[in-house]
Each structure stands twice: as structure tokens, then as C-alpha cells.
């Protein structure tokens, strides 16, 4: 287990666990894995570039090579109003 930090609009929460366990609970809430270290709520993504996302708060996060295809599929599905399979 590692320290997991959840950033919210009201503050940060920390606990020890696995990000993969958190991912199981949040995929129905527009969260997408963009990197082995990051789950992001799609609602708070302002810009998606080839290798990074820019959040509405201006924070820039990397998209790993292994997650680029998943991110692209998620974006296409979101634009079409569908739920993407991760």
C-alpha cells in the first residue's frame, strides 16, 4: 500500500491504499486513469493534449504512453454521450 491523495474542490484527503482499488469505485463517476499514478475526473479536464491534460485549476498532468489509447477512447465516447469501457 502507498499513500493515496485525493484532491477535491474542498481540500485534500490522504490514506494508505492502492489507486487500482480506488479506480474500481470511481469509474462510474467520470474518472479516467491517465497514468499509473493519476485518476482524473473528466469533468475537471479543460484541455487534452497528446501527452498531458490541463485541469480546470491549471494543473498539468502527464498522460502515459500506455494510457493514451484509453484516454482517446474515453474522450470519443464522452463526446458521443456513451460510457467508455476501460
Protein backbone atom coordinates (compact mmCIF):
# COMPACT_ATOMS: atom_id res chain seq x y z
CA UNK A 1 0.00 0.00 0.00
CA UNK A 2 1.09 3.51 -0.80
CA UNK A 3 -0.20 6.89 0.26
CA UNK A 4 -3.12 7.94 -1.95
CA UNK A 5 -4.00 11.62 -2.10
CA UNK A 6 -7.41 12.66 -3.33
CA UNK A 7 -7.65 16.28 -4.45
CA UNK A 8 -11.15 17.74 -4.25
CA UNK A 9 -12.65 21.19 -4.61
CA UNK A 10 -12.94 21.34 -0.82
CA UNK A 11 -9.47 20.07 0.10
CA UNK A 12 -7.22 17.04 0.06
CA UNK A 13 -7.66 13.67 1.72
CA UNK A 14 -4.89 11.13 2.26
CA UNK A 15 -4.95 7.47 3.13
CA UNK A 16 -2.92 4.34 2.54
CA UNK A 17 -4.17 2.00 -0.15
CA UNK A 18 -3.99 1.17 -3.82
CA UNK A 19 -5.01 3.51 -6.59
CA UNK A 20 -6.31 0.50 -8.51
CA UNK A 21 -8.78 -0.15 -5.67
CA UNK A 22 -9.95 3.46 -5.79
CA UNK A 23 -10.37 3.18 -9.57
CA UNK A 24 -12.87 0.35 -9.13
CA UNK A 25 -15.17 2.64 -7.16
CA UNK A 26 -14.97 5.81 -9.26
CA UNK A 27 -15.18 4.65 -12.89
CA UNK A 28 -18.95 5.24 -12.88
CA UNK A 29 -18.31 8.86 -11.89
CA UNK A 30 -16.42 10.05 -14.99
CA UNK A 31 -12.97 9.19 -13.65
CA UNK A 32 -10.31 8.02 -16.05
CA UNK A 33 -6.82 6.66 -15.47
CA UNK A 34 -4.36 8.80 -17.41
CA UNK A 35 -1.23 7.40 -15.78
CA UNK A 36 -0.42 4.70 -13.24
CA UNK A 37 -0.30 7.47 -10.63
CA UNK A 38 -3.32 9.55 -11.67
CA UNK A 39 -7.08 9.14 -11.82
CA UNK A 40 -8.81 12.27 -13.10
CA UNK A 41 -12.44 13.29 -13.14
CA UNK A 42 -13.20 14.04 -16.79
CA UNK A 43 -15.43 16.95 -15.73
CA UNK A 44 -12.37 18.81 -14.46
CA UNK A 45 -10.24 18.38 -17.58
CA UNK A 46 -10.01 21.63 -19.52
CA UNK A 47 -7.59 20.62 -22.31
CA UNK A 48 -6.32 17.26 -23.51
CA UNK A 49 -3.08 17.25 -25.44
CA UNK A 50 -1.10 14.37 -26.89
CA UNK A 51 0.83 13.66 -23.70
CA UNK A 52 -0.85 15.73 -21.00
CA UNK A 53 -4.10 17.05 -19.62
CA UNK A 54 -4.67 20.50 -18.23
CA UNK A 55 -7.21 20.64 -15.43
CA UNK A 56 -9.66 23.48 -14.87
CA UNK A 57 -7.46 24.68 -11.99
CA UNK A 58 -4.46 24.99 -14.38
CA UNK A 59 -2.62 21.92 -13.10
CA UNK A 60 -0.86 19.92 -15.83
CA UNK A 61 -0.74 16.13 -15.53
CA UNK A 62 1.03 13.65 -17.83
CA UNK A 63 -0.72 11.02 -19.91
CA UNK A 64 1.48 7.93 -20.01
CA UNK A 65 2.11 6.18 -23.32
CA UNK A 66 0.33 3.09 -22.04
CA UNK A 67 -2.83 5.12 -21.26
CA UNK A 68 -3.07 7.28 -24.40
CA UNK A 69 -5.34 4.90 -26.30
CA UNK A 70 -7.69 4.55 -23.32
CA UNK A 71 -7.85 8.33 -22.93
CA UNK A 72 -8.63 8.78 -26.63
CA UNK A 73 -11.41 6.18 -26.50
CA UNK A 74 -12.84 7.75 -23.36
CA UNK A 75 -12.91 11.20 -24.96
CA UNK A 76 -14.59 9.93 -28.11
CA UNK A 77 -17.18 8.03 -26.07
CA UNK A 78 -17.80 11.06 -23.83
CA UNK A 79 -18.31 13.30 -26.84
CA UNK A 80 -20.78 10.79 -28.24
CA UNK A 81 -22.58 10.57 -24.89
CA UNK A 82 -21.60 6.96 -24.23
CA UNK A 83 -19.79 5.24 -21.39
CA UNK A 84 -16.30 4.12 -22.41
CA UNK A 85 -15.02 0.70 -21.44
CA UNK A 86 -11.74 0.97 -19.58
